[in-house]
Amino acid sequence: MSDDPNAAAPLDLLSTPELRERADAVARSRWDFSFYWEIARALPAAQASIGRLEASEAGISKASGVIAEILDEREGDPELQEALRPLYLDYLRKHQH
């Protein structure tokens, strides 16, 4: 076995903190925002599954707030807002009652 701490080990044998660190490193190196988005989407259900119902509700509010802050920072950029317009339309068409 190699003494290199970065050597490939069977993933199932790694601790959860080690898995998180490795996944984070890969996502950062690939600029993979979708990984973080998927984690954010899974958090409320994960918190509810371990009995933290209040935390799951707060998580949704917090995530919404973070995204709103990012968009507010860009509010002065009409070109960017227009580029995002199709996403807003698509979302509303899929989910508006």
PDB file of N, CA and C in Angstrom:
ATOM      1  N   MET A   1       0.837  -1.182   0.000  1.00  0.00           N
ATOM      2  CA  MET A   1       0.000   0.000   0.000  1.00  0.00           C
ATOM      3  C   MET A   1       0.883   1.246   0.000  1.00  0.00           C
ATOM      4  N   SER A   2       0.482   2.262  -0.672  1.00  0.00           N
ATOM      5  CA  SER A   2       1.251   3.496  -0.812  1.00  0.00           C
ATOM      6  C   SER A   2       1.164   4.332   0.454  1.00  0.00           C
ATOM      7  N   ASP A   3       2.229   5.088   0.735  1.00  0.00           N
ATOM      8  CA  ASP A   3       2.214   6.020   1.869  1.00  0.00           C
ATOM      9  C   ASP A   3       1.581   7.350   1.493  1.00  0.00           C
ATOM     10  N   ASP A   4       1.250   7.517   0.221  1.00  0.00           N
ATOM     11  CA  ASP A   4       0.642   8.750  -0.273  1.00  0.00           C
ATOM     12  C   ASP A   4      -0.782   8.871   0.262  1.00  0.00           C
ATOM     13  N   PRO A   5      -1.058   9.937   1.067  1.00  0.00           N
ATOM     14  CA  PRO A   5      -2.408  10.088   1.613  1.00  0.00           C
ATOM     15  C   PRO A   5      -3.442  10.369   0.533  1.00  0.00           C
ATOM     16  N   ASN A   6      -3.012  10.775  -0.656  1.00  0.00           N
ATOM     17  CA  ASN A   6      -3.939  11.035  -1.749  1.00  0.00           C
ATOM     18  C   ASN A   6      -4.145   9.817  -2.649  1.00  0.00           C
ATOM     19  N   ALA A   7      -3.486   8.716  -2.312  1.00  0.00           N
ATOM     20  CA  ALA A   7      -3.637   7.514  -3.128  1.00  0.00           C
ATOM     21  C   ALA A   7      -5.096   7.070  -3.097  1.00  0.00           C
ATOM     22  N   ALA A   8      -5.500   6.488  -4.208  1.00  0.00           N
ATOM     23  CA  ALA A   8      -6.891   6.047  -4.314  1.00  0.00           C
ATOM     24  C   ALA A   8      -7.163   4.939  -3.316  1.00  0.00           C
ATOM     25  N   ALA A   9      -8.217   5.139  -2.547  1.00  0.00           N
ATOM     26  CA  ALA A   9      -8.687   4.121  -1.614  1.00  0.00           C
ATOM     27  C   ALA A   9     -10.126   3.827  -1.998  1.00  0.00           C
ATOM     28  N   PRO A  10     -10.578   2.604  -1.743  1.00  0.00           N
ATOM     29  CA  PRO A  10     -11.983   2.337  -2.032  1.00  0.00           C
ATOM     30  C   PRO A  10     -12.862   3.354  -1.288  1.00  0.00           C
ATOM     31  N   LEU A  11     -13.721   4.014  -2.036  1.00  0.00           N
ATOM     32  CA  LEU A  11     -14.519   5.092  -1.454  1.00  0.00           C
ATOM     33  C   LEU A  11     -15.347   4.636  -0.272  1.00  0.00           C
ATOM     34  N   ASP A  12     -15.855   3.417  -0.311  1.00  0.00           N
ATOM     35  CA  ASP A  12     -16.685   2.922   0.784  1.00  0.00           C
ATOM     36  C   ASP A  12     -15.923   2.825   2.102  1.00  0.00           C
ATOM     37  N   LEU A  13     -14.607   2.786   2.043  1.00  0.00           N
ATOM     38  CA  LEU A  13     -13.801   2.664   3.254  1.00  0.00           C
ATOM     39  C   LEU A  13     -13.472   4.017   3.876  1.00  0.00           C
ATOM     40  N   LEU A  14     -13.716   5.097   3.153  1.00  0.00           N
ATOM     41  CA  LEU A  14     -13.409   6.430   3.663  1.00  0.00           C
ATOM     42  C   LEU A  14     -14.476   6.903   4.640  1.00  0.00           C
ATOM     43  N   SER A  15     -14.059   7.726   5.578  1.00  0.00           N
ATOM     44  CA  SER A  15     -15.017   8.330   6.510  1.00  0.00           C
ATOM     45  C   SER A  15     -15.832   9.384   5.767  1.00  0.00           C
ATOM     46  N   THR A  16     -16.955   9.740   6.338  1.00  0.00           N
ATOM     47  CA  THR A  16     -17.790  10.767   5.718  1.00  0.00           C
ATOM     48  C   THR A  16     -17.035  12.092   5.580  1.00  0.00           C
ATOM     49  N   PRO A  17     -16.288  12.540   6.603  1.00  0.00           N
ATOM     50  CA  PRO A  17     -15.529  13.785   6.409  1.00  0.00           C
ATOM     51  C   PRO A  17     -14.511  13.684   5.268  1.00  0.00           C
ATOM     52  N   GLU A  18     -13.879  12.519   5.110  1.00  0.00           N
ATOM     53  CA  GLU A  18     -12.929  12.346   4.006  1.00  0.00           C
ATOM     54  C   GLU A  18     -13.658  12.403   2.662  1.00  0.00           C
ATOM     55  N   LEU A  19     -14.829  11.779   2.581  1.00  0.00           N
ATOM     56  CA  LEU A  19     -15.604  11.812   1.342  1.00  0.00           C
ATOM     57  C   LEU A  19     -16.003  13.242   1.006  1.00  0.00           C
ATOM     58  N   ARG A  20     -16.456  13.987   2.025  1.00  0.00           N
ATOM     59  CA  ARG A  20     -16.856  15.375   1.798  1.00  0.00           C
ATOM     60  C   ARG A  20     -15.680  16.194   1.290  1.00  0.00           C
ATOM     61  N   GLU A  21     -14.517  16.037   1.910  1.00  0.00           N
ATOM     62  CA  GLU A  21     -13.331  16.792   1.495  1.00  0.00           C
ATOM     63  C   GLU A  21     -12.935  16.455   0.059  1.00  0.00           C
ATOM     64  N   ARG A  22     -12.972  15.181  -0.285  1.00  0.00           N
ATOM     65  CA  ARG A  22     -12.606  14.788  -1.649  1.00  0.00           C
ATOM     66  C   ARG A  22     -13.615  15.305  -2.666  1.00  0.00           C
ATOM     67  N   ALA A  23     -14.901  15.168  -2.343  1.00  0.00           N
ATOM     68  CA  ALA A  23     -15.936  15.651  -3.263  1.00  0.00           C
ATOM     69  C   ALA A  23     -15.811  17.159  -3.448  1.00  0.00           C
ATOM     70  N   ASP A  24     -15.546  17.871  -2.367  1.00  0.00           N
ATOM     71  CA  ASP A  24     -15.377  19.319  -2.444  1.00  0.00           C
ATOM     72  C   ASP A  24     -14.176  19.667  -3.325  1.00  0.00           C
ATOM     73  N   ALA A  25     -13.086  18.955  -3.151  1.00  0.00           N
ATOM     74  CA  ALA A  25     -11.883  19.224  -3.950  1.00  0.00           C
ATOM     75  C   ALA A  25     -12.141  18.993  -5.441  1.00  0.00           C
ATOM     76  N   VAL A  26     -12.839  17.914  -5.762  1.00  0.00           N
ATOM     77  CA  VAL A  26     -13.147  17.632  -7.166  1.00  0.00           C
ATOM     78  C   VAL A  26     -14.061  18.712  -7.729  1.00  0.00           C
ATOM     79  N   ALA A  27     -15.111  19.061  -6.981  1.00  0.00           N
ATOM     80  CA  ALA A  27     -16.060  20.076  -7.457  1.00  0.00           C
ATOM     81  C   ALA A  27     -15.359  21.414  -7.668  1.00  0.00           C
ATOM     82  N   ARG A  28     -14.473  21.788  -6.757  1.00  0.00           N
ATOM     83  CA  ARG A  28     -13.736  23.048  -6.914  1.00  0.00           C
ATOM     84  C   ARG A  28     -12.838  23.014  -8.134  1.00  0.00           C
ATOM     85  N   SER A  29     -12.166  21.904  -8.330  1.00  0.00           N
ATOM     86  CA  SER A  29     -11.233  21.823  -9.460  1.00  0.00           C
ATOM     87  C   SER A  29     -11.978  21.841 -10.795  1.00  0.00           C
ATOM     88  N   ARG A  30     -13.224  21.364 -10.799  1.00  0.00           N
ATOM     89  CA  ARG A  30     -14.012  21.328 -12.032  1.00  0.00           C
ATOM     90  C   ARG A  30     -14.939  22.530 -12.164  1.00  0.00           C
ATOM     91  N   TRP A  31     -14.930  23.409 -11.179  1.00  0.00           N
ATOM     92  CA  TRP A  31     -15.850  24.550 -11.142  1.00  0.00           C
ATOM     93  C   TRP A  31     -17.287  24.039 -11.253  1.00  0.00           C
ATOM     94  N   ASP A  32     -17.586  22.988 -10.514  1.00  0.00           N
ATOM     95  CA  ASP A  32     -18.861  22.295 -10.621  1.00  0.00           C
ATOM     96  C   ASP A  32     -19.865  22.826  -9.604  1.00  0.00           C
ATOM     97  N   PHE A  33     -20.488  23.942  -9.950  1.00  0.00           N
ATOM     98  CA  PHE A  33     -21.481  24.549  -9.071  1.00  0.00           C
ATOM     99  C   PHE A  33     -22.654  23.614  -8.837  1.00  0.00           C
ATOM    100  N   SER A  34     -22.955  22.753  -9.814  1.00  0.00           N
ATOM    101  CA  SER A  34     -24.105  21.853  -9.668  1.00  0.00           C
ATOM    102  C   SER A  34     -23.948  20.914  -8.473  1.00  0.00           C
ATOM    103  N   PHE A  35     -22.716  20.559  -8.120  1.00  0.00           N
ATOM    104  CA  PHE A  35     -22.489  19.727  -6.932  1.00  0.00           C
ATOM    105  C   PHE A  35     -22.987  20.456  -5.686  1.00  0.00           C
ATOM    106  N   TYR A  36     -22.597  21.718  -5.557  1.00  0.00           N
ATOM    107  CA  TYR A  36     -23.005  22.488  -4.375  1.00  0.00           C
ATOM    108  C   TYR A  36     -24.512  22.739  -4.384  1.00  0.00           C
ATOM    109  N   TRP A  37     -25.054  22.945  -5.555  1.00  0.00           N
ATOM    110  CA  TRP A  37     -26.502  23.147  -5.671  1.00  0.00           C
ATOM    111  C   TRP A  37     -27.242  21.886  -5.227  1.00  0.00           C
ATOM    112  N   GLU A  38     -26.739  20.724  -5.644  1.00  0.00           N
ATOM    113  CA  GLU A  38     -27.365  19.458  -5.256  1.00  0.00           C
ATOM    114  C   GLU A  38     -27.289  19.259  -3.738  1.00  0.00           C
ATOM    115  N   ILE A  39     -26.170  19.622  -3.143  1.00  0.00           N
ATOM    116  CA  ILE A  39     -26.040  19.539  -1.681  1.00  0.00           C
ATOM    117  C   ILE A  39     -27.056  20.470  -1.027  1.00  0.00           C
ATOM    118  N   ALA A  40     -27.147  21.694  -1.520  1.00  0.00           N
ATOM    119  CA  ALA A  40     -28.096  22.654  -0.962  1.00  0.00           C
ATOM    120  C   ALA A  40     -29.533  22.149  -1.085  1.00  0.00           C
ATOM    121  N   ARG A  41     -29.841  21.523  -2.198  1.00  0.00           N
ATOM    122  CA  ARG A  41     -31.187  20.978  -2.409  1.00  0.00           C
ATOM    123  C   ARG A  41     -31.467  19.813  -1.469  1.00  0.00           C
ATOM    124  N   ALA A  42     -30.443  19.028  -1.148  1.00  0.00           N
ATOM    125  CA  ALA A  42     -30.619  17.846  -0.306  1.00  0.00           C
ATOM    126  C   ALA A  42     -30.660  18.176   1.187  1.00  0.00           C
ATOM    127  N   LEU A  43     -30.114  19.316   1.589  1.00  0.00           N
ATOM    128  CA  LEU A  43     -30.013  19.638   3.010  1.00  0.00           C
ATOM    129  C   LEU A  43     -31.342  19.628   3.762  1.00  0.00           C
ATOM    130  N   PRO A  44     -32.387  20.286   3.284  1.00  0.00           N
ATOM    131  CA  PRO A  44     -33.635  20.263   4.058  1.00  0.00           C
ATOM    132  C   PRO A  44     -34.166  18.848   4.302  1.00  0.00           C
ATOM    133  N   ALA A  45     -34.135  17.997   3.297  1.00  0.00           N
ATOM    134  CA  ALA A  45     -34.612  16.619   3.462  1.00  0.00           C
ATOM    135  C   ALA A  45     -33.697  15.842   4.405  1.00  0.00           C
ATOM    136  N   ALA A  46     -32.390  16.053   4.295  1.00  0.00           N
ATOM    137  CA  ALA A  46     -31.446  15.365   5.178  1.00  0.00           C
ATOM    138  C   ALA A  46     -31.680  15.787   6.630  1.00  0.00           C
ATOM    139  N   GLN A  47     -31.882  17.088   6.839  1.00  0.00           N
ATOM    140  CA  GLN A  47     -32.136  17.563   8.196  1.00  0.00           C
ATOM    141  C   GLN A  47     -33.453  17.012   8.729  1.00  0.00           C
ATOM    142  N   ALA A  48     -34.471  16.971   7.916  1.00  0.00           N
ATOM    143  CA  ALA A  48     -35.757  16.416   8.340  1.00  0.00           C
ATOM    144  C   ALA A  48     -35.620  14.930   8.660  1.00  0.00           C
ATOM    145  N   SER A  49     -34.793  14.206   7.887  1.00  0.00           N
ATOM    146  CA  SER A  49     -34.643  12.766   8.101  1.00  0.00           C
ATOM    147  C   SER A  49     -33.990  12.435   9.437  1.00  0.00           C
ATOM    148  N   ILE A  50     -33.266  13.395  10.013  1.00  0.00           N
ATOM    149  CA  ILE A  50     -32.657  13.152  11.321  1.00  0.00           C
ATOM    150  C   ILE A  50     -33.384  13.922  12.419  1.00  0.00           C
ATOM    151  N   GLY A  51     -34.612  14.354  12.103  1.00  0.00           N
ATOM    152  CA  GLY A  51     -35.464  14.958  13.116  1.00  0.00           C
ATOM    153  C   GLY A  51     -35.286  16.445  13.330  1.00  0.00           C
ATOM    154  N   ARG A  52     -34.588  17.104  12.465  1.00  0.00           N
ATOM    155  CA  ARG A  52     -34.362  18.554  12.608  1.00  0.00           C
ATOM    156  C   ARG A  52     -35.294  19.309  11.673  1.00  0.00           C
ATOM    157  N   LEU A  53     -36.595  19.252  11.961  1.00  0.00           N
ATOM    158  CA  LEU A  53     -37.590  19.856  11.084  1.00  0.00           C
ATOM    159  C   LEU A  53     -37.447  21.366  11.001  1.00  0.00           C
ATOM    160  N   GLU A  54     -37.170  22.024  12.131  1.00  0.00           N
ATOM    161  CA  GLU A  54     -37.014  23.482  12.108  1.00  0.00           C
ATOM    162  C   GLU A  54     -35.813  23.879  11.259  1.00  0.00           C
ATOM    163  N   ALA A  55     -34.738  23.100  11.352  1.00  0.00           N
ATOM    164  CA  ALA A  55     -33.530  23.395  10.576  1.00  0.00           C
ATOM    165  C   ALA A  55     -33.794  23.216   9.090  1.00  0.00           C
ATOM    166  N   SER A  56     -34.628  22.230   8.739  1.00  0.00           N
ATOM    167  CA  SER A  56     -34.897  22.026   7.316  1.00  0.00           C
ATOM    168  C   SER A  56     -35.668  23.206   6.744  1.00  0.00           C
ATOM    169  N   GLU A  57     -36.617  23.740   7.499  1.00  0.00           N
ATOM    170  CA  GLU A  57     -37.358  24.918   7.040  1.00  0.00           C
ATOM    171  C   GLU A  57     -36.444  26.135   6.961  1.00  0.00           C
ATOM    172  N   ALA A  58     -35.575  26.292   7.956  1.00  0.00           N
ATOM    173  CA  ALA A  58     -34.639  27.415   7.957  1.00  0.00           C
ATOM    174  C   ALA A  58     -33.657  27.295   6.801  1.00  0.00           C
ATOM    175  N   GLY A  59     -33.279  26.074   6.454  1.00  0.00           N
ATOM    176  CA  GLY A  59     -32.340  25.861   5.348  1.00  0.00           C
ATOM    177  C   GLY A  59     -32.882  26.364   4.028  1.00  0.00           C
ATOM    178  N   ILE A  60     -34.156  26.143   3.806  1.00  0.00           N
ATOM    179  CA  ILE A  60     -34.781  26.623   2.567  1.00  0.00           C
ATOM    180  C   ILE A  60     -34.751  28.140   2.532  1.00  0.00           C
ATOM    181  N   SER A  61     -35.096  28.772   3.647  1.00  0.00           N
ATOM    182  CA  SER A  61     -35.073  30.237   3.710  1.00  0.00           C
ATOM    183  C   SER A  61     -33.668  30.778   3.522  1.00  0.00           C
ATOM    184  N   LYS A  62     -32.713  30.135   4.146  1.00  0.00           N
ATOM    185  CA  LYS A  62     -31.327  30.595   4.058  1.00  0.00           C
ATOM    186  C   LYS A  62     -30.801  30.468   2.622  1.00  0.00           C
ATOM    187  N   ALA A  63     -31.056  29.334   1.980  1.00  0.00           N
ATOM    188  CA  ALA A  63     -30.598  29.142   0.604  1.00  0.00           C
ATOM    189  C   ALA A  63     -31.234  30.168  -0.323  1.00  0.00           C
ATOM    190  N   SER A  64     -32.513  30.403  -0.121  1.00  0.00           N
ATOM    191  CA  SER A  64     -33.210  31.398  -0.925  1.00  0.00           C
ATOM    192  C   SER A  64     -32.586  32.778  -0.719  1.00  0.00           C
ATOM    193  N   GLY A  65     -32.248  33.090   0.522  1.00  0.00           N
ATOM    194  CA  GLY A  65     -31.626  34.373   0.825  1.00  0.00           C
ATOM    195  C   GLY A  65     -30.268  34.544   0.172  1.00  0.00           C
ATOM    196  N   VAL A  66     -29.479  33.477   0.168  1.00  0.00           N
ATOM    197  CA  VAL A  66     -28.143  33.544  -0.449  1.00  0.00           C
ATOM    198  C   VAL A  66     -28.269  33.790  -1.949  1.00  0.00           C
ATOM    199  N   ILE A  67     -29.171  33.065  -2.586  1.00  0.00           N
ATOM    200  CA  ILE A  67     -29.369  33.255  -4.031  1.00  0.00           C
ATOM    201  C   ILE A  67     -29.883  34.662  -4.311  1.00  0.00           C
ATOM    202  N   ALA A  68     -30.801  35.140  -3.475  1.00  0.00           N
ATOM    203  CA  ALA A  68     -31.325  36.497  -3.652  1.00  0.00           C
ATOM    204  C   ALA A  68     -30.201  37.530  -3.522  1.00  0.00           C
ATOM    205  N   GLU A  69     -29.285  37.319  -2.587  1.00  0.00           N
ATOM    206  CA  GLU A  69     -28.150  38.240  -2.422  1.00  0.00           C
ATOM    207  C   GLU A  69     -27.275  38.249  -3.669  1.00  0.00           C
ATOM    208  N   ILE A  70     -27.014  37.070  -4.215  1.00  0.00           N
ATOM    209  CA  ILE A  70     -26.196  36.978  -5.428  1.00  0.00           C
ATOM    210  C   ILE A  70     -26.874  37.734  -6.563  1.00  0.00           C
ATOM    211  N   LEU A  71     -28.176  37.524  -6.716  1.00  0.00           N
ATOM    212  CA  LEU A  71     -28.901  38.201  -7.785  1.00  0.00           C
ATOM    213  C   LEU A  71     -28.989  39.699  -7.544  1.00  0.00           C
ATOM    214  N   ASP A  72     -29.168  40.116  -6.283  1.00  0.00           N
ATOM    215  CA  ASP A  72     -29.234  41.541  -5.973  1.00  0.00           C
ATOM    216  C   ASP A  72     -27.932  42.245  -6.321  1.00  0.00           C
ATOM    217  N   GLU A  73     -26.802  41.555  -6.108  1.00  0.00           N
ATOM    218  CA  GLU A  73     -25.512  42.143  -6.456  1.00  0.00           C
ATOM    219  C   GLU A  73     -25.413  42.404  -7.947  1.00  0.00           C
ATOM    220  N   ARG A  74     -26.125  41.612  -8.722  1.00  0.00           N
ATOM    221  CA  ARG A  74     -26.071  41.723 -10.179  1.00  0.00           C
ATOM    222  C   ARG A  74     -27.237  42.545 -10.735  1.00  0.00           C
ATOM    223  N   GLU A  75     -28.086  43.041  -9.839  1.00  0.00           N
ATOM    224  CA  GLU A  75     -29.296  43.749 -10.284  1.00  0.00           C
ATOM    225  C   GLU A  75     -28.974  44.925 -11.195  1.00  0.00           C
ATOM    226  N   GLY A  76     -27.841  45.546 -10.982  1.00  0.00           N
ATOM    227  CA  GLY A  76     -27.465  46.685 -11.797  1.00  0.00           C
ATOM    228  C   GLY A  76     -26.973  46.304 -13.182  1.00  0.00           C
ATOM    229  N   ASP A  77     -26.954  45.026 -13.483  1.00  0.00           N
ATOM    230  CA  ASP A  77     -26.451  44.548 -14.761  1.00  0.00           C
ATOM    231  C   ASP A  77     -27.619  44.049 -15.612  1.00  0.00           C
ATOM    232  N   PRO A  78     -28.266  44.948 -16.370  1.00  0.00           N
ATOM    233  CA  PRO A  78     -29.432  44.553 -17.159  1.00  0.00           C
ATOM    234  C   PRO A  78     -29.130  43.473 -18.193  1.00  0.00           C
ATOM    235  N   GLU A  79     -27.932  43.460 -18.714  1.00  0.00           N
ATOM    236  CA  GLU A  79     -27.563  42.448 -19.706  1.00  0.00           C
ATOM    237  C   GLU A  79     -27.583  41.049 -19.078  1.00  0.00           C
ATOM    238  N   LEU A  80     -27.063  40.953 -17.845  1.00  0.00           N
ATOM    239  CA  LEU A  80     -27.086  39.675 -17.141  1.00  0.00           C
ATOM    240  C   LEU A  80     -28.514  39.259 -16.816  1.00  0.00           C
ATOM    241  N   GLN A  81     -29.323  40.220 -16.380  1.00  0.00           N
ATOM    242  CA  GLN A  81     -30.719  39.906 -16.067  1.00  0.00           C
ATOM    243  C   GLN A  81     -31.453  39.380 -17.304  1.00  0.00           C
ATOM    244  N   GLU A  82     -31.212  39.980 -18.447  1.00  0.00           N
ATOM    245  CA  GLU A  82     -31.836  39.522 -19.681  1.00  0.00           C
ATOM    246  C   GLU A  82     -31.355  38.113 -20.045  1.00  0.00           C
ATOM    247  N   ALA A  83     -30.088  37.826 -19.772  1.00  0.00           N
ATOM    248  CA  ALA A  83     -29.557  36.490 -20.052  1.00  0.00           C
ATOM    249  C   ALA A  83     -30.217  35.435 -19.163  1.00  0.00           C
ATOM    250  N   LEU A  84     -30.636  35.824 -17.961  1.00  0.00           N
ATOM    251  CA  LEU A  84     -31.298  34.903 -17.036  1.00  0.00           C
ATOM    252  C   LEU A  84     -32.802  34.792 -17.290  1.00  0.00           C
ATOM    253  N   ARG A  85     -33.356  35.699 -18.065  1.00  0.00           N
ATOM    254  CA  ARG A  85     -34.796  35.739 -18.330  1.00  0.00           C
ATOM    255  C   ARG A  85     -35.388  34.391 -18.753  1.00  0.00           C
ATOM    256  N   PRO A  86     -34.755  33.649 -19.678  1.00  0.00           N
ATOM    257  CA  PRO A  86     -35.337  32.360 -20.066  1.00  0.00           C
ATOM    258  C   PRO A  86     -35.471  31.378 -18.891  1.00  0.00           C
ATOM    259  N   LEU A  87     -34.539  31.454 -17.948  1.00  0.00           N
ATOM    260  CA  LEU A  87     -34.632  30.576 -16.776  1.00  0.00           C
ATOM    261  C   LEU A  87     -35.835  30.936 -15.918  1.00  0.00           C
ATOM    262  N   TYR A  88     -36.062  32.222 -15.721  1.00  0.00           N
ATOM    263  CA  TYR A  88     -37.219  32.664 -14.936  1.00  0.00           C
ATOM    264  C   TYR A  88     -38.516  32.229 -15.618  1.00  0.00           C
ATOM    265  N   LEU A  89     -38.587  32.431 -16.935  1.00  0.00           N
ATOM    266  CA  LEU A  89     -39.788  32.050 -17.674  1.00  0.00           C
ATOM    267  C   LEU A  89     -40.040  30.543 -17.602  1.00  0.00           C
ATOM    268  N   ASP A  90     -38.996  29.765 -17.815  1.00  0.00           N
ATOM    269  CA  ASP A  90     -39.130  28.319 -17.792  1.00  0.00           C
ATOM    270  C   ASP A  90     -39.602  27.839 -16.419  1.00  0.00           C
ATOM    271  N   TYR A  91     -39.003  28.371 -15.377  1.00  0.00           N
ATOM    272  CA  TYR A  91     -39.373  27.967 -14.021  1.00  0.00           C
ATOM    273  C   TYR A  91     -40.835  28.298 -13.732  1.00  0.00           C
ATOM    274  N   LEU A  92     -41.247  29.497 -14.057  1.00  0.00           N
ATOM    275  CA  LEU A  92     -42.626  29.900 -13.793  1.00  0.00           C
ATOM    276  C   LEU A  92     -43.612  29.088 -14.616  1.00  0.00           C
ATOM    277  N   ARG A  93     -43.272  28.786 -15.838  1.00  0.00           N
ATOM    278  CA  ARG A  93     -44.163  27.976 -16.667  1.00  0.00           C
ATOM    279  C   ARG A  93     -44.315  26.554 -16.121  1.00  0.00           C
ATOM    280  N   LYS A  94     -43.257  26.040 -15.541  1.00  0.00           N
ATOM    281  CA  LYS A  94     -43.310  24.690 -14.983  1.00  0.00           C
ATOM    282  C   LYS A  94     -44.033  24.634 -13.637  1.00  0.00           C
ATOM    283  N   HIS A  95     -43.925  25.703 -12.852  1.00  0.00           N
ATOM    284  CA  HIS A  95     -44.355  25.619 -11.458  1.00  0.00           C
ATOM    285  C   HIS A  95     -45.476  26.560 -11.061  1.00  0.00           C
ATOM    286  N   GLN A  96     -45.872  27.451 -11.910  1.00  0.00           N
ATOM    287  CA  GLN A  96     -46.925  28.397 -11.549  1.00  0.00           C
ATOM    288  C   GLN A  96     -48.274  27.702 -11.691  1.00  0.00           C
ATOM    289  N   HIS A  97     -49.138  27.953 -10.717  1.00  0.00           N
ATOM    290  CA  HIS A  97     -50.465  27.324 -10.743  1.00  0.00           C
ATOM    291  C   HIS A  97     -51.496  28.282 -11.257  1.00  0.00           C
TER     292      HIS A  97
END
